[in-house]
Amino acid sequence: MSLTSIVDISKTSLFLSLGFITFNPAAWNIVARNEYRNKTITRIFGGNARLGCYFFALCIFFVGRLRDRLYLSAILEQPHARLLSTPFDTLVPATFFVIGQIVIVMSTWSLGITGRFLGDYFGIIMDARVETFPYNVFSDPIYVASTMCFAATACWYERPVGLLITLYVHIVYKVALRFEGPFTDMIYSKRLTSSKKSGKEL
């Protein structure tokens, strides 16, 4: 199976999908960092950081759904090829997708809306590190689960290019974490330092 037999680069939908996959984590990290430094969204909502974070969460959610729709449209325009034999052609992708969705839901349940959608950049700091499922299994469960769902969709519709896009998704998330992780650590480090100083003053 050659690369040209599974990837049709003449389809604009392919590059649109790749563009949105790249855009999403880049955009929300840029906006979140701006929020941390300038409180732009918080000011728009009259100084209410929690309301601003909810708005930001809705933006991330709906842009994410658009990304998923563009991905599906893209792979459906790509060459079809059987990836798994029966019954694994339905069992494997269905299992991956269900597990992925469960992990996403449980992650949101464990973190709450503000924890799930970068509330710490809005100054909404969590009291303690979350160590319940799925954070006791994965260090970055939402990214892992999202990648699983991309792979599941590719296998369900039997589009090999979808697996290549899934690999790209994994790379994009890895890059995003190199920026997001240290910045988040810095926020909590400053919070800890500030708390210690306040304790000494008291």
N, C-alpha and C. Protein backbone atom coordinates (compact mmCIF):
# COMPACT_ATOMS: atom_id res chain seq x y z
N MET A 1 0.85 -1.19 0.00
CA MET A 1 0.00 0.00 0.00
C MET A 1 0.89 1.24 0.00
N SER A 2 0.85 2.01 -1.10
CA SER A 2 1.67 3.20 -1.21
C SER A 2 0.98 4.40 -0.58
N LEU A 3 1.77 5.44 -0.29
CA LEU A 3 1.20 6.64 0.33
C LEU A 3 0.18 7.31 -0.58
N THR A 4 0.46 7.30 -1.88
CA THR A 4 -0.46 7.93 -2.84
C THR A 4 -1.79 7.20 -2.94
N SER A 5 -1.80 5.93 -2.54
CA SER A 5 -3.04 5.16 -2.62
C SER A 5 -3.96 5.42 -1.44
N ILE A 6 -3.43 6.03 -0.38
CA ILE A 6 -4.26 6.28 0.81
C ILE A 6 -4.44 7.77 1.11
N VAL A 7 -3.68 8.62 0.41
CA VAL A 7 -3.78 10.06 0.65
C VAL A 7 -4.02 10.79 -0.67
N ASP A 8 -5.12 11.51 -0.75
CA ASP A 8 -5.43 12.32 -1.92
C ASP A 8 -5.19 13.78 -1.56
N ILE A 9 -4.02 14.30 -1.96
CA ILE A 9 -3.64 15.65 -1.57
C ILE A 9 -4.35 16.73 -2.39
N SER A 10 -5.17 16.29 -3.33
CA SER A 10 -5.91 17.27 -4.14
C SER A 10 -7.14 17.80 -3.39
N LYS A 11 -7.49 17.17 -2.27
CA LYS A 11 -8.68 17.57 -1.52
C LYS A 11 -8.37 18.70 -0.55
N THR A 12 -9.04 19.82 -0.73
CA THR A 12 -8.85 20.97 0.16
C THR A 12 -9.25 20.64 1.59
N SER A 13 -10.23 19.76 1.75
CA SER A 13 -10.74 19.40 3.07
C SER A 13 -9.64 18.80 3.96
N LEU A 14 -8.68 18.11 3.34
CA LEU A 14 -7.58 17.52 4.10
C LEU A 14 -6.75 18.59 4.78
N PHE A 15 -6.38 19.61 4.04
CA PHE A 15 -5.54 20.67 4.59
C PHE A 15 -6.31 21.59 5.54
N LEU A 16 -7.62 21.72 5.28
CA LEU A 16 -8.45 22.50 6.19
C LEU A 16 -8.53 21.81 7.54
N SER A 17 -8.66 20.49 7.52
CA SER A 17 -8.71 19.71 8.75
C SER A 17 -7.39 19.82 9.51
N LEU A 18 -6.28 19.65 8.81
CA LEU A 18 -4.97 19.76 9.45
C LEU A 18 -4.76 21.15 10.03
N GLY A 19 -5.25 22.16 9.31
CA GLY A 19 -5.12 23.53 9.78
C GLY A 19 -5.86 23.76 11.09
N PHE A 20 -7.09 23.23 11.18
CA PHE A 20 -7.87 23.41 12.40
C PHE A 20 -7.30 22.61 13.55
N ILE A 21 -6.75 21.43 13.25
CA ILE A 21 -6.11 20.63 14.30
C ILE A 21 -4.94 21.39 14.90
N THR A 22 -4.21 22.11 14.06
CA THR A 22 -3.08 22.92 14.53
C THR A 22 -3.56 24.17 15.24
N PHE A 23 -4.60 24.78 14.69
CA PHE A 23 -5.11 26.04 15.20
C PHE A 23 -5.63 25.94 16.62
N ASN A 24 -6.38 24.88 16.91
CA ASN A 24 -7.09 24.80 18.19
C ASN A 24 -6.18 24.94 19.42
N PRO A 25 -5.22 24.04 19.62
CA PRO A 25 -4.39 24.19 20.83
C PRO A 25 -3.54 25.45 20.82
N ALA A 26 -3.11 25.87 19.62
CA ALA A 26 -2.32 27.10 19.53
C ALA A 26 -3.16 28.29 19.95
N ALA A 27 -4.39 28.37 19.46
CA ALA A 27 -5.26 29.50 19.77
C ALA A 27 -5.61 29.56 21.23
N TRP A 28 -6.02 28.43 21.83
CA TRP A 28 -6.46 28.50 23.21
C TRP A 28 -5.29 28.76 24.17
N ASN A 29 -4.08 28.35 23.80
CA ASN A 29 -2.92 28.67 24.64
C ASN A 29 -2.56 30.15 24.53
N ILE A 30 -2.65 30.71 23.34
CA ILE A 30 -2.36 32.14 23.15
C ILE A 30 -3.38 32.99 23.89
N VAL A 31 -4.66 32.66 23.72
CA VAL A 31 -5.73 33.41 24.38
C VAL A 31 -5.62 33.28 25.90
N ALA A 32 -5.34 32.07 26.38
CA ALA A 32 -5.25 31.84 27.82
C ALA A 32 -4.07 32.61 28.43
N ARG A 33 -2.94 32.63 27.74
CA ARG A 33 -1.78 33.38 28.25
C ARG A 33 -2.08 34.88 28.27
N ASN A 34 -2.76 35.34 27.25
CA ASN A 34 -3.14 36.75 27.23
C ASN A 34 -4.07 37.06 28.41
N GLU A 35 -4.98 36.12 28.67
CA GLU A 35 -5.89 36.29 29.79
C GLU A 35 -5.14 36.35 31.12
N TYR A 36 -4.16 35.50 31.26
CA TYR A 36 -3.38 35.48 32.50
C TYR A 36 -2.67 36.82 32.72
N ARG A 37 -2.13 37.37 31.62
CA ARG A 37 -1.34 38.60 31.74
C ARG A 37 -2.20 39.86 31.74
N ASN A 38 -3.25 39.88 30.91
CA ASN A 38 -4.01 41.12 30.69
C ASN A 38 -5.47 41.08 31.15
N LYS A 39 -5.98 39.88 31.46
CA LYS A 39 -7.37 39.73 31.92
C LYS A 39 -8.37 40.31 30.92
N THR A 40 -8.11 40.09 29.64
CA THR A 40 -8.96 40.65 28.58
C THR A 40 -10.40 40.14 28.66
N ILE A 41 -10.56 38.82 28.74
CA ILE A 41 -11.90 38.23 28.77
C ILE A 41 -12.60 38.59 30.08
N THR A 42 -11.86 38.55 31.17
CA THR A 42 -12.44 38.90 32.47
C THR A 42 -12.98 40.32 32.45
N ARG A 43 -12.24 41.25 31.85
CA ARG A 43 -12.70 42.64 31.77
C ARG A 43 -13.96 42.76 30.92
N ILE A 44 -14.04 41.98 29.84
CA ILE A 44 -15.23 41.99 28.98
C ILE A 44 -16.47 41.61 29.78
N PHE A 45 -16.27 40.69 30.74
CA PHE A 45 -17.39 40.22 31.56
C PHE A 45 -17.45 40.95 32.90
N GLY A 46 -17.02 42.19 32.89
CA GLY A 46 -17.18 43.05 34.05
C GLY A 46 -16.36 42.64 35.26
N GLY A 47 -15.23 41.99 35.02
CA GLY A 47 -14.37 41.57 36.12
C GLY A 47 -14.73 40.22 36.71
N ASN A 48 -15.71 39.54 36.12
CA ASN A 48 -16.13 38.23 36.62
C ASN A 48 -15.30 37.14 35.92
N ALA A 49 -14.24 36.67 36.60
CA ALA A 49 -13.33 35.69 36.01
C ALA A 49 -14.02 34.36 35.73
N ARG A 50 -14.91 33.96 36.61
CA ARG A 50 -15.59 32.68 36.42
C ARG A 50 -16.50 32.71 35.19
N LEU A 51 -17.22 33.80 35.01
CA LEU A 51 -18.08 33.94 33.84
C LEU A 51 -17.24 33.99 32.57
N GLY A 52 -16.11 34.67 32.65
CA GLY A 52 -15.19 34.72 31.51
C GLY A 52 -14.66 33.36 31.15
N CYS A 53 -14.34 32.56 32.17
CA CYS A 53 -13.84 31.21 31.93
C CYS A 53 -14.91 30.32 31.30
N TYR A 54 -16.17 30.48 31.73
CA TYR A 54 -17.27 29.71 31.13
C TYR A 54 -17.42 30.06 29.65
N PHE A 55 -17.29 31.35 29.34
CA PHE A 55 -17.37 31.78 27.95
C PHE A 55 -16.23 31.15 27.14
N PHE A 56 -15.03 31.18 27.71
CA PHE A 56 -13.86 30.59 27.06
C PHE A 56 -14.06 29.10 26.84
N ALA A 57 -14.66 28.43 27.83
CA ALA A 57 -14.94 27.00 27.73
C ALA A 57 -15.89 26.71 26.57
N LEU A 58 -16.92 27.54 26.43
CA LEU A 58 -17.87 27.36 25.32
C LEU A 58 -17.18 27.54 23.97
N CYS A 59 -16.30 28.52 23.89
CA CYS A 59 -15.55 28.75 22.65
C CYS A 59 -14.70 27.54 22.29
N ILE A 60 -13.97 27.01 23.28
CA ILE A 60 -13.14 25.84 23.05
C ILE A 60 -13.99 24.65 22.63
N PHE A 61 -15.13 24.47 23.30
CA PHE A 61 -16.01 23.34 23.01
C PHE A 61 -16.53 23.39 21.58
N PHE A 62 -17.07 24.54 21.17
CA PHE A 62 -17.68 24.63 19.84
C PHE A 62 -16.64 24.62 18.73
N VAL A 63 -15.49 25.23 18.97
CA VAL A 63 -14.42 25.16 17.97
C VAL A 63 -13.90 23.72 17.85
N GLY A 64 -13.88 23.02 18.97
CA GLY A 64 -13.49 21.61 18.96
C GLY A 64 -14.46 20.76 18.15
N ARG A 65 -15.75 21.04 18.30
CA ARG A 65 -16.74 20.29 17.51
C ARG A 65 -16.58 20.59 16.02
N LEU A 66 -16.25 21.85 15.68
CA LEU A 66 -16.00 22.20 14.28
C LEU A 66 -14.79 21.45 13.76
N ARG A 67 -13.74 21.38 14.57
CA ARG A 67 -12.54 20.61 14.19
C ARG A 67 -12.90 19.16 13.91
N ASP A 68 -13.73 18.55 14.77
CA ASP A 68 -14.11 17.16 14.59
C ASP A 68 -14.92 16.97 13.31
N ARG A 69 -15.79 17.93 13.03
CA ARG A 69 -16.62 17.85 11.82
C ARG A 69 -15.76 17.97 10.57
N LEU A 70 -14.80 18.87 10.61
CA LEU A 70 -13.90 19.04 9.47
C LEU A 70 -13.03 17.80 9.26
N TYR A 71 -12.64 17.17 10.35
CA TYR A 71 -11.85 15.94 10.27
C TYR A 71 -12.66 14.83 9.61
N LEU A 72 -13.92 14.66 10.03
CA LEU A 72 -14.76 13.63 9.46
C LEU A 72 -14.99 13.89 7.97
N SER A 73 -15.30 15.14 7.63
CA SER A 73 -15.52 15.48 6.22
C SER A 73 -14.27 15.20 5.39
N ALA A 74 -13.11 15.49 5.98
CA ALA A 74 -11.85 15.29 5.26
C ALA A 74 -11.58 13.82 4.97
N ILE A 75 -11.73 12.98 5.99
CA ILE A 75 -11.39 11.57 5.76
C ILE A 75 -12.41 10.87 4.86
N LEU A 76 -13.65 11.34 4.88
CA LEU A 76 -14.65 10.73 4.01
C LEU A 76 -14.39 11.02 2.54
N GLU A 77 -13.57 12.03 2.26
CA GLU A 77 -13.19 12.34 0.87
C GLU A 77 -11.89 11.65 0.47
N GLN A 78 -11.33 10.87 1.39
CA GLN A 78 -10.07 10.19 1.14
C GLN A 78 -10.31 8.72 0.76
N PRO A 79 -9.29 8.07 0.17
CA PRO A 79 -9.44 6.67 -0.26
C PRO A 79 -9.81 5.73 0.89
N HIS A 80 -10.66 4.77 0.55
CA HIS A 80 -11.13 3.77 1.51
C HIS A 80 -10.25 2.52 1.40
N ALA A 81 -9.94 1.92 2.53
CA ALA A 81 -9.18 0.67 2.54
C ALA A 81 -9.50 -0.08 3.82
N ARG A 82 -9.65 -1.37 3.71
CA ARG A 82 -9.99 -2.18 4.89
C ARG A 82 -8.80 -2.20 5.85
N LEU A 83 -9.05 -1.84 7.11
CA LEU A 83 -7.97 -1.77 8.10
C LEU A 83 -7.97 -2.95 9.06
N LEU A 84 -9.16 -3.45 9.40
CA LEU A 84 -9.28 -4.55 10.34
C LEU A 84 -10.27 -5.57 9.80
N SER A 85 -10.07 -6.82 10.18
CA SER A 85 -11.00 -7.86 9.74
C SER A 85 -12.22 -7.90 10.66
N THR A 86 -13.30 -8.50 10.19
CA THR A 86 -14.53 -8.65 10.97
C THR A 86 -14.27 -9.64 12.12
N PRO A 87 -14.76 -9.41 13.31
CA PRO A 87 -15.61 -8.30 13.78
C PRO A 87 -14.81 -7.13 14.36
N PHE A 88 -13.49 -7.20 14.27
CA PHE A 88 -12.65 -6.17 14.88
C PHE A 88 -12.82 -4.81 14.20
N ASP A 89 -13.32 -4.82 12.97
CA ASP A 89 -13.50 -3.56 12.25
C ASP A 89 -14.54 -2.65 12.91
N THR A 90 -15.41 -3.25 13.71
CA THR A 90 -16.38 -2.44 14.46
C THR A 90 -16.07 -2.43 15.97
N LEU A 91 -15.60 -3.57 16.48
CA LEU A 91 -15.33 -3.67 17.92
C LEU A 91 -14.21 -2.75 18.38
N VAL A 92 -13.12 -2.73 17.63
CA VAL A 92 -11.95 -1.93 18.03
C VAL A 92 -12.26 -0.43 18.03
N PRO A 93 -12.77 0.12 16.91
CA PRO A 93 -13.05 1.56 16.93
C PRO A 93 -14.14 1.95 17.93
N ALA A 94 -15.16 1.10 18.08
CA ALA A 94 -16.24 1.40 19.03
C ALA A 94 -15.69 1.42 20.46
N THR A 95 -14.82 0.46 20.77
CA THR A 95 -14.22 0.40 22.10
C THR A 95 -13.34 1.61 22.36
N PHE A 96 -12.50 1.95 21.38
CA PHE A 96 -11.62 3.12 21.51
C PHE A 96 -12.43 4.39 21.73
N PHE A 97 -13.50 4.53 20.94
CA PHE A 97 -14.30 5.76 21.03
C PHE A 97 -15.01 5.86 22.38
N VAL A 98 -15.59 4.77 22.82
CA VAL A 98 -16.31 4.77 24.10
C VAL A 98 -15.35 5.07 25.25
N ILE A 99 -14.20 4.41 25.25
CA ILE A 99 -13.20 4.66 26.30
C ILE A 99 -12.76 6.11 26.27
N GLY A 100 -12.51 6.62 25.06
CA GLY A 100 -12.09 8.01 24.92
C GLY A 100 -13.11 8.98 25.48
N GLN A 101 -14.38 8.74 25.17
CA GLN A 101 -15.44 9.62 25.66
C GLN A 101 -15.60 9.52 27.18
N ILE A 102 -15.46 8.31 27.71
CA ILE A 102 -15.56 8.14 29.16
C ILE A 102 -14.44 8.90 29.86
N VAL A 103 -13.22 8.80 29.31
CA VAL A 103 -12.08 9.49 29.91
C VAL A 103 -12.29 11.01 29.87
N ILE A 104 -12.82 11.52 28.76
CA ILE A 104 -13.07 12.96 28.65
C ILE A 104 -14.12 13.41 29.67
N VAL A 105 -15.20 12.65 29.77
CA VAL A 105 -16.27 12.99 30.72
C VAL A 105 -15.74 12.92 32.16
N MET A 106 -14.99 11.87 32.48
CA MET A 106 -14.48 11.72 33.84
C MET A 106 -13.43 12.78 34.16
N SER A 107 -12.66 13.19 33.16
CA SER A 107 -11.68 14.26 33.37
C SER A 107 -12.39 15.56 33.72
N THR A 108 -13.45 15.86 32.96
CA THR A 108 -14.22 17.07 33.22
C THR A 108 -14.90 17.00 34.58
N TRP A 109 -15.40 15.83 34.94
CA TRP A 109 -16.04 15.64 36.24
C TRP A 109 -15.04 15.87 37.38
N SER A 110 -13.83 15.36 37.20
CA SER A 110 -12.80 15.48 38.24
C SER A 110 -12.30 16.91 38.38
N LEU A 111 -12.17 17.61 37.24
CA LEU A 111 -11.60 18.96 37.26
C LEU A 111 -12.65 20.05 37.45
N GLY A 112 -13.86 19.78 37.01
CA GLY A 112 -14.87 20.84 36.94
C GLY A 112 -14.65 21.64 35.66
N ILE A 113 -15.61 22.47 35.33
CA ILE A 113 -15.52 23.25 34.10
C ILE A 113 -14.30 24.17 34.11
N THR A 114 -14.09 24.88 35.20
CA THR A 114 -12.97 25.83 35.24
C THR A 114 -11.62 25.12 35.24
N GLY A 115 -11.56 23.97 35.90
CA GLY A 115 -10.32 23.21 35.89
C GLY A 115 -10.04 22.59 34.53
N ARG A 116 -11.09 22.15 33.88
CA ARG A 116 -10.96 21.51 32.56
C ARG A 116 -10.58 22.52 31.48
N PHE A 117 -11.10 23.73 31.59
CA PHE A 117 -10.88 24.72 30.53
C PHE A 117 -10.01 25.89 30.98
N LEU A 118 -8.84 25.55 31.56
CA LEU A 118 -7.78 26.53 31.84
C LEU A 118 -8.21 27.66 32.77
N GLY A 119 -9.03 27.31 33.75
CA GLY A 119 -9.46 28.32 34.71
C GLY A 119 -8.31 28.93 35.49
N ASP A 120 -7.21 28.19 35.65
CA ASP A 120 -6.08 28.73 36.40
C ASP A 120 -5.48 29.96 35.71
N TYR A 121 -5.64 30.06 34.39
CA TYR A 121 -5.17 31.24 33.67
C TYR A 121 -6.06 32.45 33.97
N PHE A 122 -7.25 32.17 34.47
CA PHE A 122 -8.19 33.23 34.86
C PHE A 122 -8.04 33.57 36.35
N GLY A 123 -7.11 32.92 37.00
CA GLY A 123 -6.93 33.13 38.43
C GLY A 123 -7.78 32.23 39.30
N ILE A 124 -8.47 31.26 38.67
CA ILE A 124 -9.30 30.30 39.42
C ILE A 124 -8.43 29.08 39.69
N ILE A 125 -7.77 29.09 40.82
CA ILE A 125 -6.77 28.07 41.14
C ILE A 125 -7.41 26.92 41.93
N MET A 126 -7.05 25.70 41.56
CA MET A 126 -7.55 24.53 42.27
C MET A 126 -6.79 24.39 43.59
N ASP A 127 -7.47 23.89 44.61
CA ASP A 127 -6.86 23.77 45.94
C ASP A 127 -5.79 22.69 46.01
N ALA A 128 -5.97 21.61 45.23
CA ALA A 128 -5.02 20.50 45.28
C ALA A 128 -4.98 19.80 43.92
N ARG A 129 -3.91 19.09 43.68
CA ARG A 129 -3.75 18.34 42.45
C ARG A 129 -4.77 17.20 42.39
N VAL A 130 -5.42 17.04 41.24
CA VAL A 130 -6.41 15.97 41.06
C VAL A 130 -5.68 14.65 40.83
N GLU A 131 -5.99 13.66 41.65
CA GLU A 131 -5.31 12.37 41.55
C GLU A 131 -6.29 11.21 41.39
N THR A 132 -7.56 11.53 41.16
CA THR A 132 -8.56 10.49 40.93
C THR A 132 -8.55 10.12 39.45
N PHE A 133 -9.33 9.06 39.09
CA PHE A 133 -9.41 8.63 37.70
C PHE A 133 -9.95 9.76 36.83
N PRO A 134 -9.38 9.97 35.66
CA PRO A 134 -8.33 9.22 34.98
C PRO A 134 -6.92 9.77 35.21
N TYR A 135 -6.77 10.73 36.13
CA TYR A 135 -5.46 11.33 36.36
C TYR A 135 -4.51 10.42 37.11
N ASN A 136 -5.03 9.34 37.68
CA ASN A 136 -4.16 8.35 38.30
C ASN A 136 -3.68 7.31 37.29
N VAL A 137 -4.15 7.45 36.04
CA VAL A 137 -3.74 6.54 34.97
C VAL A 137 -2.92 7.28 33.91
N PHE A 138 -3.41 8.47 33.51
CA PHE A 138 -2.74 9.27 32.49
C PHE A 138 -2.34 10.63 33.07
N SER A 139 -1.22 11.15 32.62
CA SER A 139 -0.82 12.49 33.06
C SER A 139 -1.61 13.57 32.31
N ASP A 140 -1.99 13.27 31.07
CA ASP A 140 -2.77 14.21 30.25
C ASP A 140 -3.92 13.45 29.60
N PRO A 141 -4.90 13.02 30.39
CA PRO A 141 -5.95 12.14 29.89
C PRO A 141 -6.81 12.72 28.78
N ILE A 142 -7.07 14.02 28.79
CA ILE A 142 -7.93 14.60 27.77
C ILE A 142 -7.27 14.53 26.39
N TYR A 143 -5.99 14.82 26.35
CA TYR A 143 -5.26 14.73 25.08
C TYR A 143 -5.18 13.28 24.60
N VAL A 144 -4.96 12.36 25.54
CA VAL A 144 -4.90 10.93 25.18
C VAL A 144 -6.25 10.48 24.64
N ALA A 145 -7.32 10.84 25.33
CA ALA A 145 -8.66 10.43 24.94
C ALA A 145 -9.05 11.02 23.59
N SER A 146 -8.72 12.28 23.37
CA SER A 146 -9.03 12.92 22.09
C SER A 146 -8.32 12.20 20.94
N THR A 147 -7.06 11.84 21.16
CA THR A 147 -6.30 11.12 20.14
C THR A 147 -6.93 9.77 19.85
N MET A 148 -7.40 9.10 20.91
CA MET A 148 -8.08 7.81 20.74
C MET A 148 -9.32 7.95 19.88
N CYS A 149 -10.07 9.04 20.06
CA CYS A 149 -11.29 9.26 19.29
C CYS A 149 -10.98 9.52 17.81
N PHE A 150 -9.90 10.22 17.54
CA PHE A 150 -9.48 10.43 16.15
C PHE A 150 -9.16 9.08 15.50
N ALA A 151 -8.41 8.24 16.21
CA ALA A 151 -8.05 6.92 15.67
C ALA A 151 -9.29 6.05 15.48
N ALA A 152 -10.21 6.11 16.44
CA ALA A 152 -11.44 5.31 16.36
C ALA A 152 -12.26 5.70 15.13
N THR A 153 -12.36 6.99 14.87
CA THR A 153 -13.12 7.46 13.70
C THR A 153 -12.48 6.97 12.40
N ALA A 154 -11.15 7.03 12.34
CA ALA A 154 -10.43 6.57 11.15
C ALA A 154 -10.69 5.08 10.90
N CYS A 155 -10.66 4.29 11.97
CA CYS A 155 -10.87 2.84 11.83
C CYS A 155 -12.33 2.51 11.50
N TRP A 156 -13.26 3.27 12.10
CA TRP A 156 -14.68 3.01 11.86
C TRP A 156 -15.04 3.23 10.39
N TYR A 157 -14.53 4.31 9.82
CA TYR A 157 -14.82 4.63 8.42
C TYR A 157 -13.80 4.04 7.45
N GLU A 158 -12.83 3.31 7.99
CA GLU A 158 -11.81 2.62 7.21
C GLU A 158 -11.09 3.55 6.23
N ARG A 159 -10.53 4.61 6.83
CA ARG A 159 -9.75 5.58 6.05
C ARG A 159 -8.34 5.63 6.63
N PRO A 160 -7.38 5.00 5.95
CA PRO A 160 -5.99 4.98 6.45
C PRO A 160 -5.42 6.37 6.70
N VAL A 161 -5.84 7.35 5.88
CA VAL A 161 -5.31 8.70 6.08
C VAL A 161 -5.70 9.23 7.46
N GLY A 162 -6.81 8.74 8.00
CA GLY A 162 -7.23 9.16 9.32
C GLY A 162 -6.22 8.77 10.39
N LEU A 163 -5.55 7.65 10.20
CA LEU A 163 -4.52 7.23 11.16
C LEU A 163 -3.29 8.12 11.05
N LEU A 164 -2.99 8.58 9.83
CA LEU A 164 -1.88 9.51 9.66
C LEU A 164 -2.22 10.86 10.32
N ILE A 165 -3.47 11.28 10.17
CA ILE A 165 -3.91 12.52 10.82
C ILE A 165 -3.87 12.36 12.34
N THR A 166 -4.24 11.17 12.82
CA THR A 166 -4.19 10.90 14.26
C THR A 166 -2.76 11.04 14.79
N LEU A 167 -1.80 10.54 14.02
CA LEU A 167 -0.39 10.70 14.40
C LEU A 167 -0.03 12.18 14.46
N TYR A 168 -0.54 12.96 13.52
CA TYR A 168 -0.30 14.40 13.52
C TYR A 168 -0.93 15.05 14.75
N VAL A 169 -2.14 14.62 15.10
CA VAL A 169 -2.82 15.12 16.30
C VAL A 169 -1.95 14.87 17.53
N HIS A 170 -1.40 13.67 17.63
CA HIS A 170 -0.55 13.31 18.75
C HIS A 170 0.67 14.24 18.83
N ILE A 171 1.28 14.52 17.69
CA ILE A 171 2.45 15.40 17.65
C ILE A 171 2.07 16.82 18.07
N VAL A 172 0.94 17.31 17.55
CA VAL A 172 0.47 18.66 17.88
C VAL A 172 0.22 18.78 19.38
N TYR A 173 -0.41 17.77 19.98
CA TYR A 173 -0.68 17.80 21.41
C TYR A 173 0.62 17.76 22.22
N LYS A 174 1.58 16.99 21.76
CA LYS A 174 2.87 16.92 22.45
C LYS A 174 3.55 18.29 22.45
N VAL A 175 3.50 18.95 21.31
CA VAL A 175 4.08 20.29 21.20
C VAL A 175 3.33 21.26 22.11
N ALA A 176 2.00 21.19 22.08
CA ALA A 176 1.18 22.09 22.92
C ALA A 176 1.51 21.91 24.39
N LEU A 177 1.73 20.67 24.82
CA LEU A 177 2.03 20.40 26.22
C LEU A 177 3.37 20.98 26.64
N ARG A 178 4.29 21.10 25.69
CA ARG A 178 5.60 21.69 26.01
C ARG A 178 5.46 23.18 26.37
N PHE A 179 4.41 23.80 25.85
CA PHE A 179 4.14 25.21 26.17
C PHE A 179 3.18 25.33 27.36
N GLU A 180 2.15 24.50 27.33
CA GLU A 180 1.10 24.60 28.34
C GLU A 180 1.56 24.13 29.71
N GLY A 181 2.27 22.99 29.75
CA GLY A 181 2.69 22.41 31.02
C GLY A 181 3.55 23.34 31.87
N PRO A 182 4.68 23.83 31.34
CA PRO A 182 5.55 24.72 32.13
C PRO A 182 4.86 26.00 32.57
N PHE A 183 3.98 26.55 31.72
CA PHE A 183 3.30 27.79 32.07
C PHE A 183 2.32 27.55 33.23
N THR A 184 1.62 26.44 33.16
CA THR A 184 0.70 26.10 34.25
C THR A 184 1.47 25.85 35.55
N ASP A 185 2.60 25.16 35.44
CA ASP A 185 3.43 24.93 36.62
C ASP A 185 3.89 26.26 37.23
N MET A 186 4.21 27.23 36.36
CA MET A 186 4.64 28.54 36.83
C MET A 186 3.52 29.24 37.61
N ILE A 187 2.29 29.12 37.12
CA ILE A 187 1.16 29.74 37.79
C ILE A 187 1.01 29.20 39.21
N TYR A 188 1.08 27.87 39.34
CA TYR A 188 0.92 27.26 40.66
C TYR A 188 2.13 27.49 41.55
N SER A 189 3.30 27.60 40.94
CA SER A 189 4.50 27.89 41.72
C SER A 189 4.42 29.29 42.32
N LYS A 190 3.94 30.24 41.52
CA LYS A 190 3.78 31.61 42.02
C LYS A 190 2.71 31.65 43.11
N ARG A 191 1.65 30.87 42.92
CA ARG A 191 0.59 30.81 43.93
C ARG A 191 1.13 30.26 45.25
N LEU A 192 1.96 29.22 45.16
CA LEU A 192 2.53 28.61 46.37
C LEU A 192 3.46 29.59 47.07
N THR A 193 4.29 30.29 46.28
CA THR A 193 5.21 31.27 46.84
C THR A 193 4.45 32.40 47.52
N SER A 194 3.38 32.85 46.87
CA SER A 194 2.55 33.92 47.43
C SER A 194 1.89 33.48 48.72
N SER A 195 1.43 32.23 48.76
CA SER A 195 0.77 31.71 49.96
C SER A 195 1.74 31.62 51.12
N LYS A 196 2.97 31.20 50.81
CA LYS A 196 3.98 31.10 51.86
C LYS A 196 4.33 32.47 52.43
N LYS A 197 4.41 33.47 51.55
CA LYS A 197 4.71 34.83 51.99
C LYS A 197 3.58 35.36 52.86
N SER A 198 2.35 35.08 52.46
CA SER A 198 1.19 35.54 53.23
C SER A 198 1.19 34.88 54.60
N GLY A 199 1.58 33.60 54.64
CA GLY A 199 1.64 32.90 55.91
C GLY A 199 2.65 33.50 56.86
N LYS A 200 3.80 33.92 56.31
CA LYS A 200 4.84 34.52 57.13
C LYS A 200 4.38 35.88 57.69
N GLU A 201 3.66 36.60 56.82
CA GLU A 201 3.18 37.92 57.25
C GLU A 201 2.20 37.81 58.40
N LEU A 202 1.39 36.72 58.30
CA LEU A 202 0.42 36.52 59.36
C LEU A 202 1.11 36.09 60.66
